[in-house]
């Protein structure tokens, strides 16, 4: 063992004791509370490395770790520690049970609560109470606060950009909202729409007539699962709502050009599920 290797070994060997002393001095004998958020957004290897570090090196320090994560995702990651393709969920659950002493499961956010909280955040006043807009939001994003806020921010910026020319109609704003949702959730379909604006009309007609898509449209639908349902949910043919029919090609080209600037980044893959 070289001198540098020996020094590194001594450092690791004494880290737990040194960290405990630092925490004791910093808190004057109290506890240090650390929040670790979005652990499930790390790669599986990185997430497990973090958890192993907490377990191995920080056990003696007077610390409380609050871990915010999707338990199912981390259970699967822990269940794959052995290197198998299929996770051992029992082993993964046992791993978390040994590490987490007080699990607390946050309830889901009802969409109605999200509506009450965010309704006033929509800048175009004529859209704030639109049943069609909120049906679009629920269909596209469910009750995910982060995604809904991102959508509303993008829609507000798009509306402000459109107002530079003239105040946009509710019809145009709803079209912009649908296109923004498509850009966020299905960026590859959004690119197809830019090249072939009439595809929206063809999807809408197929839904109205309850017929199958043909040729390239069927391929596009298969490559973008969920697009046809979203467009069906915001179709002018849907009973109980007053959605506008698909915009013409010129309108789609204008709105997609604006949304390329104002629409932000597409949602990450895990957010689209």
Protein backbone atom coordinates (compact mmCIF):
# COMPACT_ATOMS: atom_id res chain seq x y z
CA UNK A 1 0.00 0.00 0.00
CA UNK A 2 1.41 3.38 -0.99
CA UNK A 3 1.55 6.32 1.36
CA UNK A 4 -1.27 8.07 -0.50
CA UNK A 5 -3.41 4.93 -0.33
CA UNK A 6 -2.77 4.68 3.38
CA UNK A 7 -3.72 8.32 3.89
CA UNK A 8 -6.95 7.84 1.92
CA UNK A 9 -7.77 4.75 3.97
CA UNK A 10 -7.20 6.60 7.25
CA UNK A 11 -9.37 9.47 6.05
CA UNK A 12 -12.28 7.17 5.20
CA UNK A 13 -11.79 5.19 8.38
CA UNK A 14 -12.00 8.32 10.55
CA UNK A 15 -14.65 10.15 8.53
CA UNK A 16 -17.59 8.95 10.62
CA UNK A 17 -15.95 10.02 13.86
CA UNK A 18 -14.82 13.36 12.44
CA UNK A 19 -18.25 14.10 11.00
CA UNK A 20 -19.88 13.28 14.33
CA UNK A 21 -17.63 15.75 16.11
CA UNK A 22 -18.30 18.48 13.54
CA UNK A 23 -22.07 18.03 13.87
CA UNK A 24 -21.82 18.09 17.66
CA UNK A 25 -19.91 21.38 17.62
CA UNK A 26 -22.11 22.95 14.95
CA UNK A 27 -25.39 22.12 16.70
CA UNK A 28 -24.07 22.59 20.23
CA UNK A 29 -25.10 19.08 21.11
CA UNK A 30 -28.37 19.19 19.17
CA UNK A 31 -29.44 17.49 15.95
CA UNK A 32 -28.72 18.41 12.36
CA UNK A 33 -31.67 17.90 10.00
CA UNK A 34 -30.83 17.36 6.33
CA UNK A 35 -33.34 17.17 3.50
CA UNK A 36 -32.56 15.02 0.46
CA UNK A 37 -35.11 15.71 -2.28
CA UNK A 38 -35.79 14.08 -5.65
CA UNK A 39 -33.69 11.02 -4.89
CA UNK A 40 -35.77 9.03 -7.36
CA UNK A 41 -34.68 11.39 -10.16
CA UNK A 42 -31.07 10.24 -9.86
CA UNK A 43 -29.77 7.29 -11.79
CA UNK A 44 -30.32 4.02 -9.95
CA UNK A 45 -26.62 3.63 -9.15
CA UNK A 46 -26.34 7.21 -7.86
CA UNK A 47 -29.45 6.87 -5.67
CA UNK A 48 -28.20 3.67 -4.06
CA UNK A 49 -24.73 5.17 -3.58
CA UNK A 50 -26.27 8.08 -1.67
CA UNK A 51 -28.30 5.73 0.53
CA UNK A 52 -25.34 3.46 1.18
CA UNK A 53 -23.26 6.49 2.17
CA UNK A 54 -25.87 7.61 4.66
CA UNK A 55 -26.02 4.12 6.12
CA UNK A 56 -22.29 3.44 6.31
CA UNK A 57 -20.69 6.78 7.13
CA UNK A 58 -23.24 8.93 8.93
CA UNK A 59 -24.77 6.49 11.38
CA UNK A 60 -23.00 7.83 14.47
CA UNK A 61 -23.63 11.53 13.89
CA UNK A 62 -26.60 13.19 15.56
CA UNK A 63 -28.39 13.72 12.25
CA UNK A 64 -31.92 13.30 10.97
CA UNK A 65 -32.24 12.69 7.24
CA UNK A 66 -35.54 13.45 5.55
CA UNK A 67 -35.63 11.61 2.21
CA UNK A 68 -38.20 12.70 -0.38
CA UNK A 69 -38.57 10.04 -3.05
CA UNK A 70 -40.85 7.78 -5.02
CA UNK A 71 -40.62 4.65 -2.89
CA UNK A 72 -41.45 2.30 -5.76
CA UNK A 73 -38.62 3.68 -7.91
CA UNK A 74 -36.03 3.32 -5.14
CA UNK A 75 -37.34 -0.11 -4.16
CA UNK A 76 -36.76 -1.29 -7.72
CA UNK A 77 -33.30 0.30 -7.78
CA UNK A 78 -32.35 -1.41 -4.52
CA UNK A 79 -33.77 -4.67 -5.82
CA UNK A 80 -31.39 -4.51 -8.78
CA UNK A 81 -28.25 -4.18 -6.64
CA UNK A 82 -27.35 -7.79 -7.38
CA UNK A 83 -27.05 -6.90 -11.06
CA UNK A 84 -30.09 -8.74 -12.38
CA UNK A 85 -32.29 -7.20 -15.05
CA UNK A 86 -35.49 -7.84 -13.11
CA UNK A 87 -35.62 -6.17 -9.66
CA UNK A 88 -36.01 -8.32 -6.55
CA UNK A 89 -38.77 -6.21 -4.96
CA UNK A 90 -38.71 -8.15 -1.69
CA UNK A 91 -35.00 -7.51 -1.26
CA UNK A 92 -35.45 -3.89 -2.31
CA UNK A 93 -38.20 -3.39 0.27
CA UNK A 94 -36.07 -4.99 2.98
CA UNK A 95 -33.21 -2.65 2.08
CA UNK A 96 -35.40 0.41 2.60
CA UNK A 97 -36.94 -0.95 5.80
CA UNK A 98 -33.49 -1.26 7.36
CA UNK A 99 -32.59 2.29 6.36
CA UNK A 100 -35.81 4.25 6.87
CA UNK A 101 -37.12 4.25 10.43
CA UNK A 102 -40.21 6.43 10.05
CA UNK A 103 -41.82 6.21 6.59
CA UNK A 104 -44.48 8.79 5.83
CA UNK A 105 -46.52 8.59 2.65
CA UNK A 106 -47.84 11.90 1.35
CA UNK A 107 -51.34 11.70 -0.11
CA UNK A 108 -51.93 12.70 -3.70
CA UNK A 109 -53.15 16.20 -4.49
CA UNK A 110 -56.81 16.26 -5.63
CA UNK A 111 -57.20 18.03 -8.95
CA UNK A 112 -59.91 20.25 -7.44
CA UNK A 113 -57.40 21.56 -4.88
CA UNK A 114 -54.91 22.22 -7.65
CA UNK A 115 -57.57 24.12 -9.58
CA UNK A 116 -58.42 26.32 -6.59
CA UNK A 117 -54.76 27.06 -5.93
CA UNK A 118 -53.65 27.83 -9.48
CA UNK A 119 -56.74 29.31 -11.13
CA UNK A 120 -55.65 32.85 -10.28
CA UNK A 121 -52.17 32.25 -11.75
CA UNK A 122 -53.54 32.19 -15.31
CA UNK A 123 -52.88 35.66 -16.73
CA UNK A 124 -55.42 35.82 -19.56
CA UNK A 125 -58.54 36.57 -17.44
CA UNK A 126 -60.87 35.15 -20.07
CA UNK A 127 -59.18 31.76 -19.65
CA UNK A 128 -58.96 31.54 -15.85
CA UNK A 129 -62.38 29.97 -15.41
CA UNK A 130 -62.52 28.13 -18.73
CA UNK A 131 -63.83 24.61 -18.26
CA UNK A 132 -62.18 23.63 -21.52
CA UNK A 133 -58.74 24.82 -20.39
CA UNK A 134 -58.93 22.95 -17.10
CA UNK A 135 -60.19 19.82 -18.85
CA UNK A 136 -57.16 20.06 -21.13
CA UNK A 137 -54.88 20.46 -18.10
CA UNK A 138 -56.39 17.49 -16.28
CA UNK A 139 -56.29 15.29 -19.36
CA UNK A 140 -52.68 16.17 -20.16
CA UNK A 141 -51.06 16.49 -16.74
CA UNK A 142 -53.39 15.01 -14.15
CA UNK A 143 -52.91 16.41 -10.65
CA UNK A 144 -49.14 16.88 -10.89
CA UNK A 145 -48.49 20.36 -9.44
CA UNK A 146 -45.05 20.75 -10.98
CA UNK A 147 -46.19 19.97 -14.51
CA UNK A 148 -49.35 22.06 -14.22
CA UNK A 149 -47.40 25.09 -12.98
CA UNK A 150 -44.91 24.68 -15.81
CA UNK A 151 -47.77 24.53 -18.30
CA UNK A 152 -49.45 27.64 -16.86
CA UNK A 153 -46.17 29.58 -16.94
CA UNK A 154 -45.65 28.60 -20.57
CA UNK A 155 -49.22 29.51 -21.49
CA UNK A 156 -48.95 32.90 -19.78
CA UNK A 157 -45.75 33.69 -21.67
CA UNK A 158 -47.31 32.56 -24.94
CA UNK A 159 -50.39 34.72 -24.33
CA UNK A 160 -48.19 37.73 -23.56
CA UNK A 161 -46.28 37.16 -26.79
CA UNK A 162 -49.49 36.93 -28.82
CA UNK A 163 -50.75 40.16 -27.23
CA UNK A 164 -47.81 42.04 -28.75
CA UNK A 165 -49.70 41.88 -32.06
CA UNK A 166 -53.32 41.94 -30.86
CA UNK A 167 -55.33 40.51 -27.95
CA UNK A 168 -55.76 36.78 -28.69
CA UNK A 169 -59.22 35.24 -28.70
CA UNK A 170 -60.18 32.43 -26.33
CA UNK A 171 -60.20 30.14 -29.35
CA UNK A 172 -56.58 30.99 -30.20
CA UNK A 173 -55.50 30.63 -26.57
CA UNK A 174 -57.09 27.17 -26.34
CA UNK A 175 -55.32 26.16 -29.54
CA UNK A 176 -52.07 27.44 -28.03
CA UNK A 177 -52.78 25.47 -24.86
CA UNK A 178 -53.26 22.20 -26.75
CA UNK A 179 -50.10 22.78 -28.77
CA UNK A 180 -48.16 23.63 -25.62
CA UNK A 181 -49.30 20.40 -23.98
CA UNK A 182 -48.23 18.47 -27.08
CA UNK A 183 -44.83 20.17 -27.05
CA UNK A 184 -44.30 19.36 -23.38
CA UNK A 185 -45.50 15.75 -23.45
CA UNK A 186 -44.95 14.59 -27.02
CA UNK A 187 -42.09 16.61 -28.53
CA UNK A 188 -41.62 14.22 -31.46
CA UNK A 189 -45.30 14.62 -32.41
CA UNK A 190 -44.91 18.39 -32.07
CA UNK A 191 -42.12 18.23 -34.67
CA UNK A 192 -44.33 16.18 -37.00
CA UNK A 193 -47.08 18.76 -36.53
CA UNK A 194 -44.72 21.54 -37.56
CA UNK A 195 -43.93 19.69 -40.79
CA UNK A 196 -47.47 18.44 -41.44
CA UNK A 197 -50.02 20.73 -39.71
CA UNK A 198 -52.97 18.85 -41.25
CA UNK A 199 -52.24 15.80 -39.10
CA UNK A 200 -54.24 17.34 -36.24
CA UNK A 201 -57.30 17.58 -38.48
CA UNK A 202 -56.86 13.97 -39.64
CA UNK A 203 -56.61 12.72 -36.05
CA UNK A 204 -59.72 14.73 -35.17
CA UNK A 205 -61.68 13.34 -38.12
CA UNK A 206 -60.68 9.77 -37.27
CA UNK A 207 -61.92 10.30 -33.72
CA UNK A 208 -65.22 11.82 -34.89
CA UNK A 209 -65.88 8.97 -37.32
CA UNK A 210 -64.43 6.31 -34.98
CA UNK A 211 -62.16 5.05 -37.74
CA UNK A 212 -58.58 3.84 -37.78
CA UNK A 213 -55.74 6.07 -38.79
CA UNK A 214 -53.95 5.09 -41.95
CA UNK A 215 -50.42 5.01 -43.31
CA UNK A 216 -47.92 7.34 -41.69
CA UNK A 217 -50.53 8.72 -39.27
CA UNK A 218 -50.92 5.30 -37.66
CA UNK A 219 -47.15 5.00 -37.34
CA UNK A 220 -46.96 8.43 -35.72
CA UNK A 221 -49.73 7.47 -33.28
CA UNK A 222 -47.92 4.27 -32.32
CA UNK A 223 -44.68 6.16 -31.79
CA UNK A 224 -46.49 8.69 -29.58
CA UNK A 225 -48.87 6.69 -27.37
CA UNK A 226 -51.32 9.01 -25.66
CA UNK A 227 -51.47 11.63 -28.40
CA UNK A 228 -54.68 10.35 -29.94
CA UNK A 229 -56.42 10.23 -26.55
CA UNK A 230 -55.31 13.76 -25.69
CA UNK A 231 -56.56 15.13 -29.01
CA UNK A 232 -59.82 13.21 -28.55
CA UNK A 233 -60.26 14.74 -25.09
CA UNK A 234 -60.02 18.26 -26.56
CA UNK A 235 -61.99 17.57 -29.73
CA UNK A 236 -64.80 19.86 -30.85
CA UNK A 237 -66.89 16.69 -31.23
CA UNK A 238 -66.70 15.92 -27.51
CA UNK A 239 -70.02 16.31 -25.72
CA UNK A 240 -70.26 18.57 -22.69
CA UNK A 241 -67.49 20.95 -23.72
CA UNK A 242 -67.02 23.73 -26.24
CA UNK A 243 -63.57 23.04 -27.63
CA UNK A 244 -62.81 24.74 -30.96
CA UNK A 245 -62.12 22.63 -34.06
CA UNK A 246 -58.47 22.19 -35.09
CA UNK A 247 -56.82 25.38 -36.34
CA UNK A 248 -55.88 25.82 -39.98
CA UNK A 249 -52.35 25.18 -41.20
CA UNK A 250 -51.34 28.85 -41.11
CA UNK A 251 -52.48 29.17 -37.49
CA UNK A 252 -50.62 26.02 -36.47
CA UNK A 253 -47.42 27.24 -38.11
CA UNK A 254 -47.70 30.58 -36.31
CA UNK A 255 -48.41 29.08 -32.90
CA UNK A 256 -45.78 26.35 -33.11
CA UNK A 257 -43.18 28.93 -34.10
CA UNK A 258 -44.04 31.00 -31.02
CA UNK A 259 -44.18 27.95 -28.74
CA UNK A 260 -40.73 26.88 -29.84
CA UNK A 261 -39.56 29.99 -27.97
CA UNK A 262 -42.11 30.29 -25.15
CA UNK A 263 -42.94 26.64 -24.50
CA UNK A 264 -39.90 25.79 -22.42
CA UNK A 265 -38.30 22.36 -22.42
CA UNK A 266 -40.23 19.14 -23.01
CA UNK A 267 -41.09 17.16 -19.90
CA UNK A 268 -38.51 14.62 -18.76
CA UNK A 269 -39.41 11.00 -19.58
CA UNK A 270 -40.33 10.12 -15.98
CA UNK A 271 -42.68 13.12 -15.89
CA UNK A 272 -44.58 11.91 -18.94
CA UNK A 273 -45.64 8.69 -17.32
